[in-house]
N, C-alpha and C. Protein backbone atom coordinates (compact mmCIF):
# COMPACT_ATOMS: atom_id res chain seq x y z
N MET A 1 0.85 -1.16 0.00
CA MET A 1 0.00 0.00 0.00
C MET A 1 0.91 1.24 0.00
N ARG A 2 0.51 2.19 -0.77
CA ARG A 2 1.32 3.41 -0.91
C ARG A 2 1.14 4.29 0.33
N ALA A 3 2.18 5.02 0.70
CA ALA A 3 2.18 5.91 1.86
C ALA A 3 1.78 7.32 1.45
N SER A 4 1.06 8.00 2.33
CA SER A 4 0.67 9.38 2.06
C SER A 4 1.64 10.32 2.76
N HIS A 5 1.46 11.63 2.54
CA HIS A 5 2.31 12.62 3.22
C HIS A 5 2.11 12.55 4.74
N ALA A 6 0.85 12.33 5.16
CA ALA A 6 0.57 12.23 6.59
C ALA A 6 1.27 11.01 7.20
N ASP A 7 1.31 9.89 6.48
CA ASP A 7 2.01 8.70 6.97
C ASP A 7 3.50 8.99 7.14
N ARG A 8 4.08 9.69 6.17
CA ARG A 8 5.51 10.04 6.27
C ARG A 8 5.76 10.96 7.47
N GLU A 9 4.86 11.91 7.70
CA GLU A 9 5.04 12.84 8.82
C GLU A 9 4.92 12.11 10.15
N ARG A 10 4.01 11.14 10.24
CA ARG A 10 3.91 10.36 11.48
C ARG A 10 5.20 9.58 11.72
N ALA A 11 5.76 9.00 10.67
CA ALA A 11 7.02 8.26 10.81
C ALA A 11 8.15 9.20 11.23
N VAL A 12 8.17 10.40 10.66
CA VAL A 12 9.20 11.38 11.03
C VAL A 12 9.04 11.80 12.49
N ASP A 13 7.80 11.95 12.93
CA ASP A 13 7.56 12.29 14.34
C ASP A 13 8.10 11.21 15.27
N VAL A 14 7.91 9.95 14.89
CA VAL A 14 8.44 8.85 15.70
C VAL A 14 9.96 8.90 15.71
N LEU A 15 10.56 9.20 14.58
CA LEU A 15 12.02 9.30 14.52
C LEU A 15 12.52 10.48 15.36
N LYS A 16 11.81 11.60 15.30
CA LYS A 16 12.21 12.77 16.11
C LYS A 16 12.15 12.42 17.60
N ALA A 17 11.11 11.74 18.01
CA ALA A 17 10.99 11.35 19.41
C ALA A 17 12.11 10.39 19.80
N GLY A 18 12.42 9.46 18.92
CA GLY A 18 13.52 8.52 19.20
C GLY A 18 14.85 9.23 19.32
N PHE A 19 15.08 10.23 18.48
CA PHE A 19 16.31 11.01 18.56
C PHE A 19 16.34 11.83 19.85
N ALA A 20 15.22 12.45 20.20
CA ALA A 20 15.15 13.28 21.41
C ALA A 20 15.38 12.44 22.67
N GLU A 21 14.95 11.19 22.64
CA GLU A 21 15.12 10.31 23.79
C GLU A 21 16.50 9.67 23.83
N GLY A 22 17.31 9.91 22.80
CA GLY A 22 18.66 9.34 22.77
C GLY A 22 18.71 7.93 22.22
N ARG A 23 17.68 7.50 21.52
CA ARG A 23 17.66 6.16 20.95
C ARG A 23 18.38 6.11 19.60
N LEU A 24 18.54 7.25 18.96
CA LEU A 24 19.21 7.33 17.66
C LEU A 24 20.35 8.34 17.74
N LEU A 25 21.46 8.02 17.06
CA LEU A 25 22.55 8.98 16.95
C LEU A 25 22.26 9.93 15.80
N GLN A 26 22.94 11.07 15.77
CA GLN A 26 22.69 12.10 14.77
C GLN A 26 22.79 11.58 13.33
N PRO A 27 23.86 10.88 12.95
CA PRO A 27 23.94 10.43 11.54
C PRO A 27 22.82 9.44 11.17
N GLU A 28 22.52 8.53 12.07
CA GLU A 28 21.47 7.56 11.79
C GLU A 28 20.11 8.26 11.70
N TYR A 29 19.88 9.23 12.57
CA TYR A 29 18.63 9.99 12.56
C TYR A 29 18.47 10.71 11.21
N GLU A 30 19.51 11.38 10.76
CA GLU A 30 19.42 12.13 9.50
C GLU A 30 19.19 11.17 8.32
N GLN A 31 19.86 10.03 8.35
CA GLN A 31 19.69 9.05 7.28
C GLN A 31 18.26 8.51 7.26
N ARG A 32 17.70 8.20 8.42
CA ARG A 32 16.34 7.67 8.47
C ARG A 32 15.31 8.73 8.06
N ILE A 33 15.54 9.98 8.42
CA ILE A 33 14.61 11.06 8.02
C ILE A 33 14.59 11.17 6.50
N ALA A 34 15.77 11.14 5.88
CA ALA A 34 15.84 11.24 4.42
C ALA A 34 15.12 10.06 3.77
N ARG A 35 15.33 8.86 4.29
CA ARG A 35 14.67 7.68 3.74
C ARG A 35 13.16 7.73 3.96
N ALA A 36 12.72 8.34 5.11
CA ALA A 36 11.28 8.44 5.39
C ALA A 36 10.61 9.34 4.36
N TYR A 37 11.25 10.45 4.00
CA TYR A 37 10.64 11.35 3.02
C TYR A 37 10.66 10.76 1.61
N GLU A 38 11.57 9.80 1.36
CA GLU A 38 11.63 9.16 0.04
C GLU A 38 10.78 7.89 -0.04
N ALA A 39 10.27 7.42 1.10
CA ALA A 39 9.53 6.16 1.13
C ALA A 39 8.26 6.26 0.30
N GLN A 40 7.95 5.15 -0.38
CA GLN A 40 6.76 5.10 -1.23
C GLN A 40 5.65 4.24 -0.62
N THR A 41 6.00 3.28 0.24
CA THR A 41 5.00 2.36 0.79
C THR A 41 5.03 2.36 2.32
N HIS A 42 3.97 1.81 2.87
CA HIS A 42 3.88 1.69 4.34
C HIS A 42 4.96 0.75 4.87
N SER A 43 5.27 -0.28 4.15
CA SER A 43 6.27 -1.24 4.64
C SER A 43 7.64 -0.58 4.75
N GLU A 44 7.97 0.32 3.84
CA GLU A 44 9.25 1.03 3.94
C GLU A 44 9.28 1.91 5.20
N LEU A 45 8.17 2.59 5.47
CA LEU A 45 8.10 3.42 6.67
C LEU A 45 8.16 2.57 7.93
N GLN A 46 7.48 1.42 7.88
CA GLN A 46 7.46 0.54 9.04
C GLN A 46 8.86 0.02 9.36
N MET A 47 9.64 -0.25 8.34
CA MET A 47 11.02 -0.74 8.56
C MET A 47 11.88 0.34 9.21
N LEU A 48 11.60 1.63 8.94
CA LEU A 48 12.39 2.71 9.51
C LEU A 48 12.12 2.93 11.00
N VAL A 49 10.89 2.62 11.43
CA VAL A 49 10.53 2.91 12.83
C VAL A 49 10.26 1.64 13.63
N ALA A 50 10.53 0.47 13.08
CA ALA A 50 10.19 -0.80 13.74
C ALA A 50 10.91 -0.97 15.07
N ASP A 51 12.13 -0.46 15.19
CA ASP A 51 12.89 -0.65 16.42
C ASP A 51 12.70 0.48 17.43
N LEU A 52 11.75 1.39 17.15
CA LEU A 52 11.48 2.51 18.05
C LEU A 52 10.06 2.39 18.62
N PRO A 53 9.86 2.84 19.84
CA PRO A 53 8.50 2.81 20.39
C PRO A 53 7.61 3.80 19.66
N MET A 54 6.35 3.44 19.44
CA MET A 54 5.43 4.28 18.67
C MET A 54 4.73 5.33 19.53
N GLY A 55 4.92 5.29 20.79
CA GLY A 55 4.29 6.26 21.67
C GLY A 55 5.09 6.36 22.95
N PRO A 56 4.53 7.00 23.94
CA PRO A 56 5.25 7.10 25.19
C PRO A 56 5.46 5.71 25.79
N VAL A 57 6.67 5.45 26.20
CA VAL A 57 7.00 4.17 26.80
C VAL A 57 6.71 4.27 28.29
N PRO A 58 5.93 3.37 28.83
CA PRO A 58 5.66 3.44 30.26
C PRO A 58 6.94 3.25 31.05
N GLN A 59 7.16 4.15 31.98
CA GLN A 59 8.36 4.08 32.81
C GLN A 59 8.08 3.15 33.98
N ALA A 60 9.04 2.34 34.30
CA ALA A 60 8.89 1.42 35.43
C ALA A 60 8.91 2.24 36.71
N GLN A 61 7.87 2.16 37.45
CA GLN A 61 7.80 2.87 38.72
C GLN A 61 8.50 2.03 39.77
N PHE A 62 9.10 2.72 40.74
CA PHE A 62 9.75 2.01 41.83
C PHE A 62 8.67 1.42 42.72
N MET A 63 8.57 0.14 42.69
CA MET A 63 7.62 -0.57 43.53
C MET A 63 8.41 -1.52 44.42
N PRO A 64 8.32 -1.35 45.72
CA PRO A 64 9.06 -2.29 46.57
C PRO A 64 8.50 -3.70 46.37
N GLN A 65 9.39 -4.62 46.19
CA GLN A 65 9.00 -6.00 45.96
C GLN A 65 8.62 -6.64 47.30
N ARG A 66 7.41 -7.17 47.35
CA ARG A 66 6.97 -7.86 48.55
C ARG A 66 7.46 -9.30 48.47
N PRO A 67 7.94 -9.78 49.58
CA PRO A 67 8.39 -11.18 49.55
C PRO A 67 7.18 -12.10 49.35
N MET A 68 7.45 -13.23 48.76
CA MET A 68 6.39 -14.19 48.48
C MET A 68 6.12 -15.02 49.74
N VAL A 69 5.63 -14.35 50.76
CA VAL A 69 5.32 -14.99 52.03
C VAL A 69 3.84 -14.75 52.29
N PRO A 70 3.11 -15.75 52.73
CA PRO A 70 1.70 -15.51 53.04
C PRO A 70 1.54 -14.42 54.08
N ALA A 71 0.45 -13.68 53.97
CA ALA A 71 0.20 -12.56 54.88
C ALA A 71 0.14 -13.01 56.33
N THR A 72 -0.19 -14.27 56.55
CA THR A 72 -0.27 -14.79 57.92
C THR A 72 1.07 -14.72 58.63
N PHE A 73 2.15 -14.88 57.87
CA PHE A 73 3.47 -14.92 58.47
C PHE A 73 4.18 -13.57 58.44
N MET A 74 3.55 -12.55 57.88
CA MET A 74 4.14 -11.21 57.83
C MET A 74 3.90 -10.53 59.18
N PRO A 75 4.81 -9.65 59.59
CA PRO A 75 4.59 -8.94 60.86
C PRO A 75 3.40 -7.99 60.75
N MET A 76 2.72 -7.80 61.85
CA MET A 76 1.56 -6.91 61.88
C MET A 76 2.03 -5.47 61.72
N PRO A 77 1.32 -4.68 60.92
CA PRO A 77 1.71 -3.27 60.81
C PRO A 77 1.43 -2.55 62.13
N MET A 78 2.32 -1.64 62.47
CA MET A 78 2.18 -0.90 63.71
C MET A 78 1.06 0.12 63.56
N PRO A 79 0.16 0.21 64.54
CA PRO A 79 -0.90 1.23 64.45
C PRO A 79 -0.31 2.62 64.64
N MET A 80 -0.95 3.60 64.01
CA MET A 80 -0.50 4.97 64.14
C MET A 80 -0.78 5.46 65.56
N PRO A 81 0.21 6.13 66.18
CA PRO A 81 -0.04 6.62 67.54
C PRO A 81 -1.10 7.72 67.52
N VAL A 82 -1.96 7.68 68.52
CA VAL A 82 -3.02 8.68 68.64
C VAL A 82 -2.50 9.79 69.56
N THR A 83 -2.58 11.03 69.12
CA THR A 83 -2.12 12.14 69.95
C THR A 83 -3.18 12.48 70.97
N THR A 84 -2.73 12.89 72.13
CA THR A 84 -3.64 13.27 73.20
C THR A 84 -3.95 14.76 73.08
N ASN A 85 -5.20 15.09 73.25
CA ASN A 85 -5.63 16.48 73.16
C ASN A 85 -5.05 17.26 74.34
N SER A 86 -4.44 18.41 74.06
CA SER A 86 -3.79 19.19 75.12
C SER A 86 -4.81 19.82 76.06
N SER A 87 -6.00 20.15 75.57
CA SER A 87 -7.03 20.71 76.46
C SER A 87 -7.49 19.65 77.47
N ALA A 88 -7.50 18.38 77.05
CA ALA A 88 -7.88 17.30 77.97
C ALA A 88 -6.84 17.17 79.08
N THR A 89 -5.57 17.29 78.71
CA THR A 89 -4.52 17.24 79.73
C THR A 89 -4.65 18.42 80.68
N GLY A 90 -4.94 19.60 80.13
CA GLY A 90 -5.14 20.78 80.97
C GLY A 90 -6.32 20.62 81.91
N ALA A 91 -7.41 20.03 81.42
CA ALA A 91 -8.59 19.80 82.27
C ALA A 91 -8.25 18.85 83.41
N LEU A 92 -7.49 17.81 83.11
CA LEU A 92 -7.10 16.86 84.16
C LEU A 92 -6.21 17.53 85.21
N VAL A 93 -5.25 18.31 84.76
CA VAL A 93 -4.33 18.98 85.70
C VAL A 93 -5.11 19.96 86.57
N CYS A 94 -5.99 20.75 85.95
CA CYS A 94 -6.79 21.71 86.73
C CYS A 94 -7.71 20.98 87.71
N GLY A 95 -8.27 19.85 87.29
CA GLY A 95 -9.13 19.08 88.17
C GLY A 95 -8.38 18.52 89.36
N ILE A 96 -7.18 18.02 89.14
CA ILE A 96 -6.37 17.48 90.22
C ILE A 96 -5.92 18.58 91.17
N MET A 97 -5.73 19.78 90.67
CA MET A 97 -5.25 20.90 91.49
C MET A 97 -6.35 21.56 92.33
N THR A 98 -7.62 21.18 92.12
CA THR A 98 -8.71 21.86 92.86
C THR A 98 -8.57 21.76 94.38
N PRO A 99 -8.18 20.63 94.98
CA PRO A 99 -8.04 20.63 96.45
C PRO A 99 -6.90 21.53 96.91
N VAL A 100 -5.84 21.58 96.14
CA VAL A 100 -4.67 22.37 96.52
C VAL A 100 -4.98 23.87 96.43
N THR A 101 -5.75 24.26 95.42
CA THR A 101 -6.06 25.68 95.19
C THR A 101 -7.38 26.09 95.81
N TRP A 102 -7.96 25.26 96.64
CA TRP A 102 -9.24 25.51 97.30
C TRP A 102 -10.34 25.79 96.28
N GLY A 103 -10.29 25.10 95.16
CA GLY A 103 -11.35 25.18 94.16
C GLY A 103 -11.17 26.26 93.10
N LEU A 104 -10.08 27.01 93.13
CA LEU A 104 -9.88 28.07 92.13
C LEU A 104 -9.72 27.51 90.71
N THR A 105 -9.21 26.30 90.58
CA THR A 105 -9.01 25.72 89.24
C THR A 105 -10.19 24.87 88.80
N ALA A 106 -11.28 24.90 89.54
CA ALA A 106 -12.44 24.08 89.18
C ALA A 106 -13.11 24.59 87.91
N ILE A 107 -13.31 25.89 87.80
CA ILE A 107 -13.97 26.45 86.61
C ILE A 107 -13.12 26.24 85.36
N PRO A 108 -11.79 26.51 85.41
CA PRO A 108 -10.99 26.20 84.22
C PRO A 108 -11.02 24.70 83.87
N ALA A 109 -11.11 23.83 84.88
CA ALA A 109 -11.18 22.39 84.61
C ALA A 109 -12.44 22.05 83.84
N VAL A 110 -13.56 22.65 84.23
CA VAL A 110 -14.82 22.37 83.55
C VAL A 110 -14.80 22.94 82.13
N ILE A 111 -14.31 24.16 81.98
CA ILE A 111 -14.26 24.78 80.64
C ILE A 111 -13.35 23.99 79.72
N LEU A 112 -12.15 23.66 80.20
CA LEU A 112 -11.21 22.89 79.37
C LEU A 112 -11.74 21.49 79.07
N GLY A 113 -12.44 20.89 80.01
CA GLY A 113 -13.00 19.56 79.79
C GLY A 113 -14.04 19.56 78.67
N HIS A 114 -14.95 20.54 78.70
CA HIS A 114 -15.96 20.62 77.64
C HIS A 114 -15.31 20.94 76.29
N LYS A 115 -14.35 21.85 76.31
CA LYS A 115 -13.65 22.21 75.07
C LYS A 115 -12.91 20.99 74.50
N ALA A 116 -12.24 20.24 75.37
CA ALA A 116 -11.49 19.07 74.93
C ALA A 116 -12.41 18.00 74.34
N ARG A 117 -13.56 17.75 74.97
CA ARG A 117 -14.47 16.74 74.44
C ARG A 117 -14.98 17.12 73.06
N ALA A 118 -15.25 18.41 72.84
CA ALA A 118 -15.69 18.86 71.51
C ALA A 118 -14.58 18.68 70.48
N GLU A 119 -13.35 19.01 70.84
CA GLU A 119 -12.22 18.85 69.92
C GLU A 119 -11.96 17.38 69.63
N ILE A 120 -12.08 16.54 70.62
CA ILE A 120 -11.84 15.10 70.44
C ILE A 120 -12.87 14.51 69.49
N ARG A 121 -14.12 14.90 69.64
CA ARG A 121 -15.16 14.40 68.72
C ARG A 121 -14.89 14.88 67.30
N ARG A 122 -14.40 16.10 67.15
CA ARG A 122 -14.17 16.66 65.82
C ARG A 122 -12.91 16.10 65.15
N THR A 123 -11.82 15.93 65.90
CA THR A 123 -10.54 15.54 65.30
C THR A 123 -10.18 14.08 65.49
N GLY A 124 -10.80 13.37 66.43
CA GLY A 124 -10.47 11.97 66.65
C GLY A 124 -9.24 11.77 67.51
N GLN A 125 -8.81 12.79 68.21
CA GLN A 125 -7.64 12.66 69.08
C GLN A 125 -7.99 11.83 70.30
N GLY A 126 -6.98 11.49 71.08
CA GLY A 126 -7.17 10.76 72.31
C GLY A 126 -7.29 11.71 73.49
N GLY A 127 -7.58 11.17 74.66
CA GLY A 127 -7.64 11.97 75.87
C GLY A 127 -9.04 12.18 76.40
N ASP A 128 -10.00 11.41 75.92
CA ASP A 128 -11.37 11.58 76.38
C ASP A 128 -11.49 11.27 77.87
N GLY A 129 -10.77 10.28 78.35
CA GLY A 129 -10.80 9.93 79.78
C GLY A 129 -10.24 11.07 80.63
N GLN A 130 -9.19 11.72 80.16
CA GLN A 130 -8.62 12.85 80.89
C GLN A 130 -9.63 13.99 80.96
N ALA A 131 -10.30 14.25 79.84
CA ALA A 131 -11.28 15.34 79.82
C ALA A 131 -12.43 15.05 80.78
N ILE A 132 -12.92 13.83 80.79
CA ILE A 132 -14.04 13.46 81.67
C ILE A 132 -13.61 13.54 83.13
N THR A 133 -12.39 13.09 83.43
CA THR A 133 -11.89 13.17 84.81
C THR A 133 -11.78 14.63 85.25
N GLY A 134 -11.27 15.50 84.38
CA GLY A 134 -11.19 16.92 84.71
C GLY A 134 -12.57 17.51 84.93
N LEU A 135 -13.54 17.12 84.08
CA LEU A 135 -14.91 17.61 84.25
C LEU A 135 -15.50 17.17 85.60
N ILE A 136 -15.34 15.91 85.93
CA ILE A 136 -15.90 15.38 87.18
C ILE A 136 -15.27 16.08 88.38
N LEU A 137 -13.95 16.20 88.40
CA LEU A 137 -13.28 16.85 89.53
C LEU A 137 -13.66 18.32 89.63
N GLY A 138 -13.78 18.97 88.49
CA GLY A 138 -14.18 20.37 88.49
C GLY A 138 -15.60 20.56 89.01
N TRP A 139 -16.54 19.74 88.52
CA TRP A 139 -17.92 19.87 88.98
C TRP A 139 -18.05 19.49 90.45
N LEU A 140 -17.27 18.51 90.92
CA LEU A 140 -17.29 18.17 92.35
C LEU A 140 -16.82 19.35 93.20
N ALA A 141 -15.79 20.03 92.76
CA ALA A 141 -15.29 21.19 93.51
C ALA A 141 -16.31 22.32 93.50
N ILE A 142 -16.94 22.55 92.34
CA ILE A 142 -17.96 23.60 92.26
C ILE A 142 -19.15 23.23 93.15
N GLY A 143 -19.56 21.97 93.08
CA GLY A 143 -20.65 21.50 93.95
C GLY A 143 -20.30 21.61 95.42
N GLY A 144 -19.06 21.32 95.78
CA GLY A 144 -18.62 21.44 97.18
C GLY A 144 -18.69 22.88 97.66
N TRP A 145 -18.24 23.80 96.84
CA TRP A 145 -18.32 25.22 97.21
C TRP A 145 -19.77 25.69 97.28
N ALA A 146 -20.61 25.21 96.37
CA ALA A 146 -22.03 25.59 96.41
C ALA A 146 -22.67 25.07 97.69
N LEU A 147 -22.36 23.84 98.09
CA LEU A 147 -22.89 23.27 99.33
C LEU A 147 -22.38 24.05 100.53
N PHE A 148 -21.09 24.40 100.54
CA PHE A 148 -20.51 25.17 101.63
C PHE A 148 -21.21 26.53 101.77
N LEU A 149 -21.43 27.20 100.63
CA LEU A 149 -22.09 28.51 100.67
C LEU A 149 -23.55 28.37 101.12
N LEU A 150 -24.23 27.33 100.70
CA LEU A 150 -25.61 27.11 101.10
C LEU A 150 -25.70 26.90 102.61
N ILE A 151 -24.81 26.08 103.15
CA ILE A 151 -24.79 25.83 104.60
C ILE A 151 -24.46 27.12 105.35
N PHE A 152 -23.52 27.89 104.83
CA PHE A 152 -23.13 29.15 105.47
C PHE A 152 -24.30 30.13 105.49
N ILE A 153 -25.02 30.23 104.36
CA ILE A 153 -26.15 31.16 104.27
C ILE A 153 -27.29 30.70 105.18
N LEU A 154 -27.55 29.39 105.20
CA LEU A 154 -28.62 28.88 106.08
C LEU A 154 -28.28 29.06 107.56
N SER A 155 -27.02 28.84 107.92
CA SER A 155 -26.65 29.02 109.32
C SER A 155 -26.70 30.49 109.71
N ALA A 156 -26.40 31.38 108.79
CA ALA A 156 -26.48 32.81 109.09
C ALA A 156 -27.95 33.23 109.23
N ALA A 157 -28.83 32.64 108.42
CA ALA A 157 -30.25 32.99 108.49
C ALA A 157 -30.89 32.46 109.77
N VAL A 158 -30.48 31.28 110.21
CA VAL A 158 -31.05 30.69 111.41
C VAL A 158 -30.53 31.45 112.65
N GLY A 159 -29.34 31.92 112.57
CA GLY A 159 -28.72 32.63 113.67
C GLY A 159 -29.34 33.99 113.89
N LEU A 160 -30.09 34.54 112.97
CA LEU A 160 -30.71 35.85 113.15
C LEU A 160 -31.80 35.77 114.08
C-alpha cells in the first residue's frame, strides 16, 4: 500500500521522538529522516521505525517487591499513635489541682473539659478519659463550694 504525506510525517515524528530520547545517533537519525521522506510504501516506513516505540514508553515505577510470604506470616503493621488532646490534659491537671487551690481551678477544669471533648469528637484525638476526669473533679469542687455557701447562708439565716 502506498504511503501518504501524513504517513511520512507520522514516521518522522516517531524518529524525532527517538532522537530526542537518545535512541538514535545524529547520523542515523538524518539518514532515516531522508529515507522516510523518500519512502513510497507503508512497509518502507514501518522498517524505519520498527525498532522505536510508537508512543510514550511506560516508565517502570519504583515498587518495593513484597516477599512471596503468606500474609499470615508477615509482621503486623504498627498502628499509628493517637495524639492526646492538650485541652484534655489541661482539664485533668486543673481538676487534680482543685483541692490544693481551694477550688480556684475548678472552673478552668470544667471549661477545658468541655472544650477538649468537643475537639476530640471533631478531630479523633485521644484523651477523652482525661477530659471526663477533669470535668468530674471540676464539677465536684464547684458543687462542694455551692454546698458550703448554702450551709453558710442557712446558718447565718437561722442565727438571726
